[in-house]
Amino acid sequence: MSLADKVLAVNNDLPIRTDAPVHSGKVRSVYWLTEADSKRLIQEKGYDVAEDTPLAIMVISDRISAFDCIWHGEQGLKGVPGKGAALNAISNHWFKLFKEQGLADSHILDIPHPLVWIVQKARPVMIEAICRQYITGSMWRAYQNGERNFCGIELPEGLERDQKLPELLITPSTKGILKGIPGVPEADDVNVTRQNIEQNYAAFNFQSADDIDVYETLLKQGFGVISQALAQVDQIFVDTKFEFGYVTDAQGNDKLIYMDEVGTPDSSRIWDGAEYRLGNIVENSKEDFRQMLLNHFPDPDILLNKNRMAEREALARDNDLPVEVLMKISSTYIGIAEKITGAKIEIADNPKQEVIDILRKNYDLIVD
């Protein structure tokens, strides 16, 4: 079996029983189960959710996106071997720690396969909650250009690139296009202040103004748990993105939970601690792949300039990246996952068939 066969590139064509369109994102595809299958699984598996909660199968792919494009390689490689399993394993590890330490639940109810989650439908808070412990990347570029106010927070003079910030910085941005909020542009992923959120909490899908404090507490606690655990394996948690939503439990109580993935190389920057102490930045995250792309192509402005999106899309579509580039990022993802979880990440020979077989045998969700 070839290396390309071990990559799950297309994850929205599985024969999972559903009566709704499959939602396919950059990396994950979501199959909403029928009402009958949702109720059956809640009863059979004893999930702690209301009996009428919609459930979904979430399948992660091995695709890799950067600069808002999907990239591929030579020899038919449509993704990064082991990437999906590594991302899921890391998120699973952090969600388990969060629950053990009394933080909050996640949307995940069951893990049938390393590439698959069974999740409950949540009502998302329309915020991408970004925490920063170091000044780097786009924030450093803005700071270097004279910006000092970030999401309503004033940074001091004299900071240096890749320096640890005086305190953990929360820089939220919009999740999707929100309309009718004074001072907030109607565009995806624009920075907002805490005051914007407080004055328009319902528009951001918070149930009450008090829940803003709950979200910030969970944000800081989650960051702290991951940062402390990474420090134990000499890794630095630089920055990350969290997402939150509401669910209803079996007793009918609404609660705020963590959603999507957490603390992964896709949603975070992670630096090697030993190298940082020597004055070097060694990325154990997708940032390593982004930097490689910037160095690989002769005109990196195409990747950084949003006005050149058509050129960027053509670059990603028309260029087969060297196999060694994708295998290097594979090694990065698998390496950091094994450090974090203490367990080996296995790459399946035929991941799609494995997923189908398990969902058929253990969950009766496959349409033959």
Protein backbone atom coordinates (compact mmCIF):
# COMPACT_ATOMS: atom_id res chain seq x y z
CA MET A 1 0.00 0.00 0.00
CA SER A 2 1.37 3.41 -0.99
CA LEU A 3 1.96 6.34 1.37
CA ALA A 4 -0.89 8.21 -0.34
CA ASP A 5 -3.31 5.41 0.60
CA LYS A 6 -2.56 6.01 4.29
CA VAL A 7 -3.80 9.61 4.04
CA LEU A 8 -7.48 10.35 4.63
CA ALA A 9 -7.86 13.27 2.25
CA VAL A 10 -11.56 13.05 1.34
CA ASN A 11 -13.72 12.67 4.43
CA ASN A 12 -17.14 13.88 3.25
CA ASP A 13 -18.12 10.83 1.15
CA LEU A 14 -18.48 8.12 3.82
CA PRO A 15 -21.72 6.06 3.66
CA ILE A 16 -22.90 7.29 7.06
CA ARG A 17 -26.69 7.39 7.42
CA THR A 18 -27.84 11.01 7.48
CA ASP A 19 -30.77 13.02 6.20
CA ALA A 20 -28.89 16.33 6.14
CA PRO A 21 -26.10 17.69 3.92
CA VAL A 22 -22.59 16.83 5.07
CA HIS A 23 -20.78 19.91 6.33
CA SER A 24 -17.17 19.81 5.18
CA GLY A 25 -14.66 22.27 6.61
CA LYS A 26 -10.96 22.67 5.89
CA VAL A 27 -10.08 19.67 8.01
CA ARG A 28 -13.22 18.11 9.55
CA SER A 29 -16.48 16.85 8.04
CA VAL A 30 -19.69 16.64 10.08
CA TYR A 31 -22.46 14.10 9.44
CA TRP A 32 -25.67 14.95 11.34
CA LEU A 33 -27.37 11.73 12.34
CA THR A 34 -31.05 11.07 11.83
CA GLU A 35 -33.31 11.80 14.77
CA ALA A 36 -33.90 8.07 15.20
CA ASP A 37 -30.18 7.22 15.24
CA SER A 38 -29.43 10.06 17.67
CA LYS A 39 -32.09 8.85 20.12
CA ARG A 40 -30.98 5.24 19.71
CA LEU A 41 -27.33 5.96 20.45
CA ILE A 42 -28.15 8.22 23.43
CA GLN A 43 -30.12 5.34 24.91
CA GLU A 44 -27.74 2.53 23.94
CA LYS A 45 -24.52 4.30 24.95
CA GLY A 46 -25.86 6.23 27.95
CA TYR A 47 -24.60 9.64 26.80
CA ASP A 48 -25.21 12.40 29.37
CA VAL A 49 -27.38 14.55 27.12
CA ALA A 50 -31.05 15.34 26.75
CA GLU A 51 -32.85 12.50 24.93
CA ASP A 52 -33.73 14.73 21.96
CA THR A 53 -30.17 16.07 21.47
CA PRO A 54 -29.01 15.91 17.83
CA LEU A 55 -25.77 13.96 17.44
CA ALA A 56 -23.18 14.03 14.68
CA ILE A 57 -20.24 12.00 13.48
CA MET A 58 -17.20 14.24 13.07
CA VAL A 59 -14.46 12.80 10.85
CA ILE A 60 -11.06 14.48 10.73
CA SER A 61 -8.97 14.36 7.57
CA ASP A 62 -5.22 14.49 7.05
CA ARG A 63 -5.52 17.58 4.82
CA ILE A 64 -3.34 20.54 5.70
CA SER A 65 -4.43 24.13 5.26
CA ALA A 66 -2.28 27.23 5.56
CA PHE A 67 -2.87 30.79 4.42
CA ASP A 68 -6.52 29.81 3.79
CA CYS A 69 -5.55 27.20 1.17
CA ILE A 70 -5.34 23.40 1.10
CA TRP A 71 -1.91 22.07 0.08
CA HIS A 72 -0.85 18.78 -1.49
CA GLY A 73 2.37 16.98 -2.41
CA GLU A 74 4.13 14.79 -4.92
CA GLN A 75 3.31 11.09 -5.34
CA GLY A 76 -0.41 11.77 -4.94
CA LEU A 77 -0.09 12.93 -1.33
CA LYS A 78 -3.27 14.89 -0.58
CA GLY A 79 -2.41 15.46 3.05
CA VAL A 80 -0.02 14.71 5.89
CA PRO A 81 0.26 11.09 7.10
CA GLY A 82 -0.82 10.78 10.73
CA LYS A 83 -1.90 14.41 11.05
CA GLY A 84 -5.58 13.75 11.79
CA ALA A 85 -4.88 11.06 14.37
CA ALA A 86 -2.29 13.31 16.05
CA LEU A 87 -4.69 16.27 16.27
CA ASN A 88 -7.52 14.19 17.68
CA ALA A 89 -5.23 12.47 20.19
CA ILE A 90 -3.98 15.82 21.49
CA SER A 91 -7.47 17.30 21.81
CA ASN A 92 -8.75 14.13 23.49
CA HIS A 93 -5.89 14.35 26.00
CA TRP A 94 -6.60 18.00 26.90
CA PHE A 95 -10.38 17.50 27.11
CA LYS A 96 -9.80 14.59 29.51
CA LEU A 97 -7.50 16.74 31.67
CA PHE A 98 -10.02 19.60 31.67
CA LYS A 99 -12.76 17.28 32.91
CA GLU A 100 -10.53 15.63 35.52
CA GLN A 101 -9.58 19.06 36.89
CA GLY A 102 -13.20 20.26 37.01
CA LEU A 103 -13.06 22.85 34.23
CA ALA A 104 -15.87 22.02 31.79
CA ASP A 105 -17.03 19.32 29.42
CA SER A 106 -16.51 19.27 25.66
CA HIS A 107 -18.85 18.51 22.76
CA ILE A 108 -17.31 15.01 22.41
CA LEU A 109 -19.43 12.10 23.67
CA ASP A 110 -17.55 9.14 22.22
CA ILE A 111 -14.35 8.29 20.31
CA PRO A 112 -15.02 5.26 18.07
CA HIS A 113 -11.75 5.59 16.10
CA PRO A 114 -8.63 7.80 16.21
CA LEU A 115 -10.08 9.88 13.32
CA VAL A 116 -13.67 10.03 14.59
CA TRP A 117 -15.66 11.82 17.29
CA ILE A 118 -19.33 11.44 18.12
CA VAL A 119 -20.41 14.92 19.18
CA GLN A 120 -23.51 16.63 20.51
CA LYS A 121 -25.00 19.66 18.83
CA ALA A 122 -23.98 22.83 20.63
CA ARG A 123 -25.12 26.43 20.32
CA PRO A 124 -21.82 28.15 19.55
CA VAL A 125 -20.63 31.37 21.12
CA MET A 126 -19.69 33.52 18.12
CA ILE A 127 -16.19 34.25 19.34
CA GLU A 128 -12.80 32.78 18.50
CA ALA A 129 -11.14 33.21 21.85
CA ILE A 130 -7.41 33.69 21.37
CA CYS A 131 -4.94 33.62 24.26
CA ARG A 132 -1.39 34.87 23.88
CA GLN A 133 1.47 34.32 26.31
CA TYR A 134 4.25 35.58 23.99
CA ILE A 135 4.41 38.38 21.43
CA THR A 136 5.11 36.88 18.02
CA GLY A 137 3.65 36.46 14.55
CA SER A 138 1.01 38.95 13.44
CA MET A 139 0.89 40.61 16.86
CA TRP A 140 4.61 41.28 16.75
CA ARG A 141 4.33 42.69 13.20
CA ALA A 142 1.55 45.05 14.33
CA TYR A 143 3.51 46.04 17.46
CA GLN A 144 6.59 46.69 15.35
CA ASN A 145 4.47 48.99 13.18
CA GLY A 146 3.49 51.07 16.19
CA GLU A 147 0.26 49.44 17.37
CA ARG A 148 -0.07 49.28 21.14
CA ASN A 149 -3.79 48.63 21.61
CA PHE A 150 -4.94 45.07 21.01
CA CYS A 151 -8.64 44.34 21.54
CA GLY A 152 -8.87 47.21 24.01
CA ILE A 153 -5.74 46.19 25.93
CA GLU A 154 -2.76 48.56 25.98
CA LEU A 155 0.67 46.94 25.68
CA PRO A 156 3.75 48.61 27.18
CA GLU A 157 6.65 50.05 25.19
CA GLY A 158 9.90 48.19 24.81
CA LEU A 159 8.71 44.65 24.14
CA GLU A 160 10.94 42.48 21.97
CA ARG A 161 10.04 39.82 19.43
CA ASP A 162 9.15 36.40 20.92
CA GLN A 163 9.28 37.84 24.44
CA LYS A 164 6.93 36.58 27.14
CA LEU A 165 4.11 39.07 27.74
CA PRO A 166 3.65 40.69 31.16
CA GLU A 167 0.38 38.74 31.52
CA LEU A 168 -1.79 36.37 29.52
CA LEU A 169 -3.48 38.38 26.79
CA ILE A 170 -7.03 37.58 25.57
CA THR A 171 -7.61 38.88 22.05
CA PRO A 172 -11.05 37.68 20.87
CA SER A 173 -12.27 37.89 17.29
CA THR A 174 -15.59 37.25 15.60
CA LYS A 175 -16.56 33.74 14.55
CA GLY A 176 -18.41 34.31 11.29
CA ILE A 177 -19.99 37.54 10.09
CA LEU A 178 -21.95 39.30 12.83
CA LYS A 179 -24.29 42.11 11.81
CA GLY A 180 -25.58 45.16 13.59
CA ILE A 181 -22.96 45.42 16.35
CA PRO A 182 -21.77 49.03 16.77
CA GLY A 183 -18.04 49.38 16.13
CA VAL A 184 -17.65 45.80 14.85
CA PRO A 185 -17.13 45.42 11.07
CA GLU A 186 -19.44 42.93 9.36
CA ALA A 187 -16.63 40.51 8.47
CA ASP A 188 -15.32 37.18 9.67
CA ASP A 189 -12.41 37.08 12.11
CA VAL A 190 -12.23 40.74 13.17
CA ASN A 191 -10.85 41.68 16.57
CA VAL A 192 -13.31 42.76 19.25
CA THR A 193 -12.94 44.20 22.73
CA ARG A 194 -14.41 42.96 25.97
CA GLN A 195 -16.58 46.09 25.95
CA ASN A 196 -17.97 45.11 22.51
CA ILE A 197 -18.91 41.72 23.96
CA GLU A 198 -20.39 43.10 27.20
CA GLN A 199 -22.57 45.64 25.41
CA ASN A 200 -23.79 43.12 22.80
CA TYR A 201 -23.56 39.77 24.61
CA ALA A 202 -26.72 38.37 23.00
CA ALA A 203 -25.38 39.11 19.50
CA PHE A 204 -22.35 36.97 20.37
CA ASN A 205 -24.76 34.22 21.48
CA PHE A 206 -24.07 34.46 25.23
CA GLN A 207 -27.13 33.57 27.30
CA SER A 208 -26.30 36.20 29.91
CA ALA A 209 -23.75 38.92 30.58
CA ASP A 210 -22.49 36.84 33.54
CA ASP A 211 -21.43 34.09 31.13
CA ILE A 212 -18.73 36.40 29.73
CA ASP A 213 -16.88 35.95 33.03
CA VAL A 214 -17.44 32.16 32.81
CA TYR A 215 -15.99 32.06 29.29
CA GLU A 216 -12.95 34.11 30.32
CA THR A 217 -12.39 31.89 33.37
CA LEU A 218 -12.57 28.71 31.26
CA LEU A 219 -10.24 30.34 28.75
CA LYS A 220 -7.60 31.14 31.35
CA GLN A 221 -7.99 27.82 33.17
CA GLY A 222 -7.76 25.82 29.93
CA PHE A 223 -4.68 27.74 28.86
CA GLY A 224 -3.11 27.21 32.28
CA VAL A 225 -3.74 23.45 32.32
CA ILE A 226 -2.22 22.99 28.86
CA SER A 227 0.69 25.35 29.51
CA GLN A 228 1.61 23.57 32.75
CA ALA A 229 1.38 20.11 31.15
CA LEU A 230 3.48 21.18 28.16
CA ALA A 231 6.12 22.64 30.48
CA GLN A 232 6.53 19.16 31.98
CA VAL A 233 7.74 17.92 28.58
CA ASP A 234 9.81 21.12 28.06
CA GLN A 235 7.46 22.69 25.53
CA ILE A 236 6.22 26.29 25.61
CA PHE A 237 2.54 27.09 25.02
CA VAL A 238 2.85 30.34 23.07
CA ASP A 239 -0.70 31.09 21.96
CA THR A 240 -3.90 29.26 21.08
CA LYS A 241 -7.54 29.52 20.04
CA PHE A 242 -10.50 28.25 22.05
CA GLU A 243 -14.15 28.00 21.02
CA PHE A 244 -17.16 27.62 23.30
CA GLY A 245 -20.83 26.70 23.05
CA TYR A 246 -23.90 25.77 25.09
CA VAL A 247 -25.37 22.28 25.46
CA THR A 248 -28.18 20.82 27.55
CA ASP A 249 -27.41 17.83 29.79
CA ALA A 250 -29.67 14.89 30.64
CA GLN A 251 -31.15 16.83 33.59
CA GLY A 252 -32.13 19.74 31.33
CA ASN A 253 -29.38 22.08 32.54
CA ASP A 254 -27.67 24.39 30.06
CA LYS A 255 -23.90 24.60 30.40
CA LEU A 256 -21.00 26.25 28.64
CA ILE A 257 -18.53 23.76 27.14
CA TYR A 258 -15.33 23.68 25.10
CA MET A 259 -15.87 23.08 21.38
CA ASP A 260 -13.82 22.17 18.33
CA GLU A 261 -10.18 21.23 18.99
CA VAL A 262 -7.98 22.55 21.79
CA GLY A 263 -4.24 22.94 22.24
CA THR A 264 -3.29 21.33 18.94
CA PRO A 265 -0.50 22.21 16.49
CA ASP A 266 -3.25 23.50 14.16
CA SER A 267 -4.83 25.87 16.67
CA SER A 268 -1.74 26.85 18.68
CA ARG A 269 1.91 27.77 18.57
CA ILE A 270 4.13 25.44 20.57
CA TRP A 271 7.86 26.08 20.94
CA ASP A 272 10.63 23.75 22.05
CA GLY A 273 11.72 24.90 25.53
CA ALA A 274 15.39 23.91 25.32
CA GLU A 275 15.85 25.72 22.02
CA TYR A 276 14.07 28.83 23.28
CA ARG A 277 16.49 29.06 26.20
CA LEU A 278 19.32 29.03 23.63
CA GLY A 279 17.68 31.93 21.79
CA ASN A 280 16.20 29.82 18.99
CA ILE A 281 12.58 29.36 17.93
CA VAL A 282 11.77 25.77 16.96
CA GLU A 283 8.09 25.38 16.12
CA ASN A 284 6.25 22.20 17.04
CA SER A 285 3.10 23.39 15.28
CA LYS A 286 1.71 24.27 11.87
CA GLU A 287 3.67 27.52 12.03
CA ASP A 288 6.68 25.43 10.96
CA PHE A 289 4.80 24.53 7.75
CA ARG A 290 3.75 28.15 7.19
CA GLN A 291 7.36 29.31 7.49
CA MET A 292 8.45 26.59 5.08
CA LEU A 293 5.91 27.82 2.50
CA LEU A 294 7.13 31.41 2.90
CA ASN A 295 10.70 30.23 2.21
CA HIS A 296 9.73 27.75 -0.54
CA PHE A 297 8.14 30.20 -2.96
CA PRO A 298 10.08 33.11 -4.49
CA ASP A 299 7.33 35.70 -3.79
CA PRO A 300 6.11 35.21 -0.19
CA ASP A 301 3.93 38.32 -0.49
CA ILE A 302 1.40 36.16 -2.35
CA LEU A 303 0.87 34.20 0.88
CA LEU A 304 0.67 37.25 3.13
CA ASN A 305 -1.28 39.71 0.98
CA LYS A 306 -5.05 39.14 1.09
CA ASN A 307 -5.41 41.18 -2.09
CA ARG A 308 -3.53 38.43 -3.98
CA MET A 309 -5.86 35.60 -2.99
CA ALA A 310 -6.43 34.40 -6.57
CA GLU A 311 -2.66 34.01 -7.04
CA ARG A 312 -2.39 32.25 -3.70
CA GLU A 313 -5.13 29.75 -4.59
CA ALA A 314 -3.38 29.04 -7.89
CA LEU A 315 -0.10 28.51 -6.04
CA ALA A 316 -1.68 25.90 -3.77
CA ARG A 317 -3.59 24.24 -6.62
CA ASP A 318 -0.76 24.03 -9.13
CA ASN A 319 2.22 23.09 -6.94
CA ASP A 320 3.01 19.58 -5.70
CA LEU A 321 5.09 20.11 -2.59
CA PRO A 322 8.10 17.79 -2.13
CA VAL A 323 7.26 14.61 -0.22
CA GLU A 324 9.97 15.39 2.33
CA VAL A 325 8.17 18.66 3.22
CA LEU A 326 4.94 16.86 4.09
CA MET A 327 6.82 14.10 5.90
CA LYS A 328 8.65 16.71 7.99
CA ILE A 329 5.36 18.20 9.15
CA SER A 330 4.09 14.65 9.73
CA SER A 331 7.05 14.07 12.03
CA THR A 332 6.34 17.36 13.84
CA TYR A 333 2.67 16.52 14.46
CA ILE A 334 3.26 12.91 15.47
CA GLY A 335 6.26 13.87 17.62
CA ILE A 336 4.42 16.52 19.65
CA ALA A 337 1.34 14.27 19.98
CA GLU A 338 3.44 11.42 21.37
CA LYS A 339 5.21 13.82 23.76
CA ILE A 340 1.89 15.14 25.05
CA THR A 341 -0.05 11.88 25.32
CA GLY A 342 2.77 9.47 26.10
CA ALA A 343 1.27 7.05 23.57
CA LYS A 344 2.29 6.01 20.07
CA ILE A 345 0.33 7.47 17.15
CA GLU A 346 -0.53 4.71 14.70
CA ILE A 347 -1.01 5.47 11.00
CA ALA A 348 -3.72 3.27 9.52
CA ASP A 349 -3.09 1.47 6.21
CA ASN A 350 -6.61 2.17 5.00
CA PRO A 351 -8.15 4.77 7.33
CA LYS A 352 -11.43 5.26 5.47
CA GLN A 353 -12.26 1.56 5.49
CA GLU A 354 -11.37 1.29 9.18
CA VAL A 355 -13.79 4.10 10.02
CA ILE A 356 -16.58 2.54 7.95
CA ASP A 357 -16.05 -0.90 9.54
CA ILE A 358 -16.18 0.44 13.12
CA LEU A 359 -19.23 2.64 12.53
CA ARG A 360 -21.00 -0.33 10.94
CA LYS A 361 -20.10 -2.91 13.58
CA ASN A 362 -20.35 -0.90 16.80
CA TYR A 363 -22.84 1.86 15.96
CA ASP A 364 -24.99 0.57 13.03
CA LEU A 365 -24.60 3.87 11.16
CA ILE A 366 -23.45 2.69 7.73
CA VAL A 367 -25.73 2.52 4.72
CA ASP A 368 -24.75 -0.52 2.62
